[in-house]
Amino acid sequence: METWHYEVVSIDGDYANLRRTDIESDDLKLVARALLPPEIVEGSHLKYEMMTYLME
């Protein structure tokens, strides 16, 4: 089971841009907000594990 860590960089309507924080990367991942915890704000830290995003 792999785990990835992300930071919410920006929120734009129904989508959020996430940046990986567990590796060196400037790439952003566009994710539908329906897949993310409802309480996220810009700067929130998330853990992705077993196809689920969780607040850290």
N, C-alpha and C. Protein backbone atom coordinates (compact mmCIF):
# COMPACT_ATOMS: atom_id res chain seq x y z
N MET A 1 0.85 -1.18 0.00
CA MET A 1 0.00 0.00 0.00
C MET A 1 0.89 1.24 0.00
N GLU A 2 0.71 2.09 -1.01
CA GLU A 2 1.49 3.31 -1.09
C GLU A 2 0.70 4.48 -0.55
N THR A 3 1.42 5.46 -0.03
CA THR A 3 0.82 6.68 0.51
C THR A 3 1.51 7.87 -0.13
N TRP A 4 0.72 8.85 -0.57
CA TRP A 4 1.25 10.09 -1.13
C TRP A 4 0.73 11.25 -0.29
N HIS A 5 1.53 12.31 -0.23
CA HIS A 5 1.15 13.50 0.54
C HIS A 5 1.06 14.69 -0.40
N TYR A 6 0.02 15.50 -0.20
CA TYR A 6 -0.25 16.64 -1.07
C TYR A 6 -0.55 17.88 -0.25
N GLU A 7 -0.37 19.03 -0.88
CA GLU A 7 -0.80 20.32 -0.34
C GLU A 7 -1.79 20.90 -1.34
N VAL A 8 -2.88 21.49 -0.84
CA VAL A 8 -3.85 22.15 -1.70
C VAL A 8 -3.26 23.52 -2.08
N VAL A 9 -2.96 23.69 -3.36
CA VAL A 9 -2.35 24.93 -3.84
C VAL A 9 -3.41 25.96 -4.15
N SER A 10 -4.48 25.53 -4.80
CA SER A 10 -5.56 26.45 -5.14
C SER A 10 -6.86 25.68 -5.31
N ILE A 11 -7.95 26.41 -5.14
CA ILE A 11 -9.29 25.85 -5.32
C ILE A 11 -9.99 26.71 -6.37
N ASP A 12 -10.53 26.05 -7.39
CA ASP A 12 -11.20 26.76 -8.47
C ASP A 12 -12.52 26.06 -8.75
N GLY A 13 -13.57 26.55 -8.13
CA GLY A 13 -14.90 25.96 -8.32
C GLY A 13 -14.96 24.53 -7.82
N ASP A 14 -15.25 23.60 -8.71
CA ASP A 14 -15.41 22.19 -8.34
C ASP A 14 -14.11 21.40 -8.37
N TYR A 15 -12.98 22.09 -8.54
CA TYR A 15 -11.69 21.41 -8.64
C TYR A 15 -10.66 22.06 -7.72
N ALA A 16 -9.65 21.27 -7.36
CA ALA A 16 -8.54 21.78 -6.56
C ALA A 16 -7.24 21.33 -7.21
N ASN A 17 -6.24 22.18 -7.15
CA ASN A 17 -4.90 21.85 -7.63
C ASN A 17 -4.07 21.40 -6.45
N LEU A 18 -3.50 20.20 -6.56
CA LEU A 18 -2.69 19.63 -5.48
C LEU A 18 -1.25 19.49 -5.94
N ARG A 19 -0.32 19.71 -5.00
CA ARG A 19 1.11 19.51 -5.27
C ARG A 19 1.63 18.46 -4.31
N ARG A 20 2.36 17.49 -4.84
CA ARG A 20 2.96 16.46 -3.97
C ARG A 20 4.00 17.09 -3.07
N THR A 21 4.01 16.67 -1.82
CA THR A 21 4.98 17.20 -0.86
C THR A 21 5.95 16.13 -0.38
N ASP A 22 5.71 14.88 -0.72
CA ASP A 22 6.60 13.81 -0.27
C ASP A 22 7.74 13.55 -1.25
N ILE A 23 7.69 14.22 -2.41
CA ILE A 23 8.79 14.16 -3.38
C ILE A 23 9.01 15.57 -3.91
N GLU A 24 10.14 15.79 -4.54
CA GLU A 24 10.44 17.08 -5.17
C GLU A 24 9.68 17.16 -6.48
N SER A 25 8.66 18.03 -6.54
CA SER A 25 7.86 18.15 -7.75
C SER A 25 7.16 19.50 -7.79
N ASP A 26 7.15 20.11 -8.97
CA ASP A 26 6.41 21.35 -9.18
C ASP A 26 5.11 21.10 -9.95
N ASP A 27 4.88 19.84 -10.33
CA ASP A 27 3.68 19.48 -11.08
C ASP A 27 2.45 19.58 -10.19
N LEU A 28 1.34 20.03 -10.78
CA LEU A 28 0.08 20.10 -10.06
C LEU A 28 -0.86 19.02 -10.58
N LYS A 29 -1.67 18.51 -9.68
CA LYS A 29 -2.66 17.49 -10.02
C LYS A 29 -4.04 18.11 -9.82
N LEU A 30 -4.86 18.10 -10.86
CA LEU A 30 -6.21 18.64 -10.79
C LEU A 30 -7.15 17.53 -10.32
N VAL A 31 -7.83 17.78 -9.19
CA VAL A 31 -8.70 16.77 -8.58
C VAL A 31 -10.07 17.37 -8.32
N ALA A 32 -11.11 16.62 -8.63
CA ALA A 32 -12.48 17.07 -8.37
C ALA A 32 -12.69 17.19 -6.86
N ARG A 33 -13.30 18.28 -6.43
CA ARG A 33 -13.52 18.50 -4.99
C ARG A 33 -14.42 17.44 -4.38
N ALA A 34 -15.25 16.79 -5.19
CA ALA A 34 -16.12 15.73 -4.67
C ALA A 34 -15.29 14.57 -4.11
N LEU A 35 -14.04 14.43 -4.54
CA LEU A 35 -13.17 13.35 -4.07
C LEU A 35 -12.36 13.76 -2.83
N LEU A 36 -12.43 15.03 -2.46
CA LEU A 36 -11.62 15.57 -1.36
C LEU A 36 -12.48 15.83 -0.13
N PRO A 37 -11.86 15.89 1.05
CA PRO A 37 -12.63 16.24 2.25
C PRO A 37 -13.27 17.62 2.09
N PRO A 38 -14.51 17.79 2.54
CA PRO A 38 -15.22 19.06 2.32
C PRO A 38 -14.60 20.26 3.03
N GLU A 39 -13.81 20.03 4.06
CA GLU A 39 -13.27 21.14 4.85
C GLU A 39 -11.93 21.69 4.33
N ILE A 40 -11.48 21.25 3.16
CA ILE A 40 -10.19 21.73 2.66
C ILE A 40 -10.23 23.22 2.35
N VAL A 41 -9.09 23.86 2.53
CA VAL A 41 -8.86 25.24 2.13
C VAL A 41 -7.48 25.27 1.49
N GLU A 42 -7.14 26.37 0.83
CA GLU A 42 -5.81 26.49 0.25
C GLU A 42 -4.79 26.36 1.39
N GLY A 43 -3.79 25.54 1.19
CA GLY A 43 -2.77 25.30 2.19
C GLY A 43 -3.00 24.04 3.02
N SER A 44 -4.17 23.42 2.87
CA SER A 44 -4.45 22.18 3.61
C SER A 44 -3.50 21.08 3.15
N HIS A 45 -3.17 20.18 4.05
CA HIS A 45 -2.32 19.05 3.73
C HIS A 45 -3.16 17.79 3.74
N LEU A 46 -2.98 16.98 2.69
CA LEU A 46 -3.77 15.77 2.51
C LEU A 46 -2.87 14.56 2.38
N LYS A 47 -3.43 13.43 2.75
CA LYS A 47 -2.77 12.14 2.55
C LYS A 47 -3.66 11.33 1.62
N TYR A 48 -3.06 10.74 0.58
CA TYR A 48 -3.80 9.89 -0.35
C TYR A 48 -3.36 8.46 -0.11
N GLU A 49 -4.34 7.64 0.29
CA GLU A 49 -4.04 6.25 0.64
C GLU A 49 -5.28 5.42 0.35
N MET A 50 -5.09 4.28 -0.28
CA MET A 50 -6.18 3.37 -0.61
C MET A 50 -7.32 4.08 -1.36
N MET A 51 -6.91 4.89 -2.37
CA MET A 51 -7.84 5.61 -3.23
C MET A 51 -8.73 6.61 -2.48
N THR A 52 -8.23 7.14 -1.35
CA THR A 52 -8.98 8.09 -0.55
C THR A 52 -8.07 9.24 -0.11
N TYR A 53 -8.60 10.46 -0.17
CA TYR A 53 -7.87 11.63 0.33
C TYR A 53 -8.34 11.92 1.76
N LEU A 54 -7.39 12.09 2.67
CA LEU A 54 -7.69 12.37 4.07
C LEU A 54 -6.93 13.62 4.53
N MET A 55 -7.53 14.39 5.43
CA MET A 55 -6.84 15.55 6.01
C MET A 55 -5.72 15.06 6.92
N GLU A 56 -4.62 15.81 6.93
CA GLU A 56 -3.52 15.47 7.84
C GLU A 56 -3.52 16.43 9.00
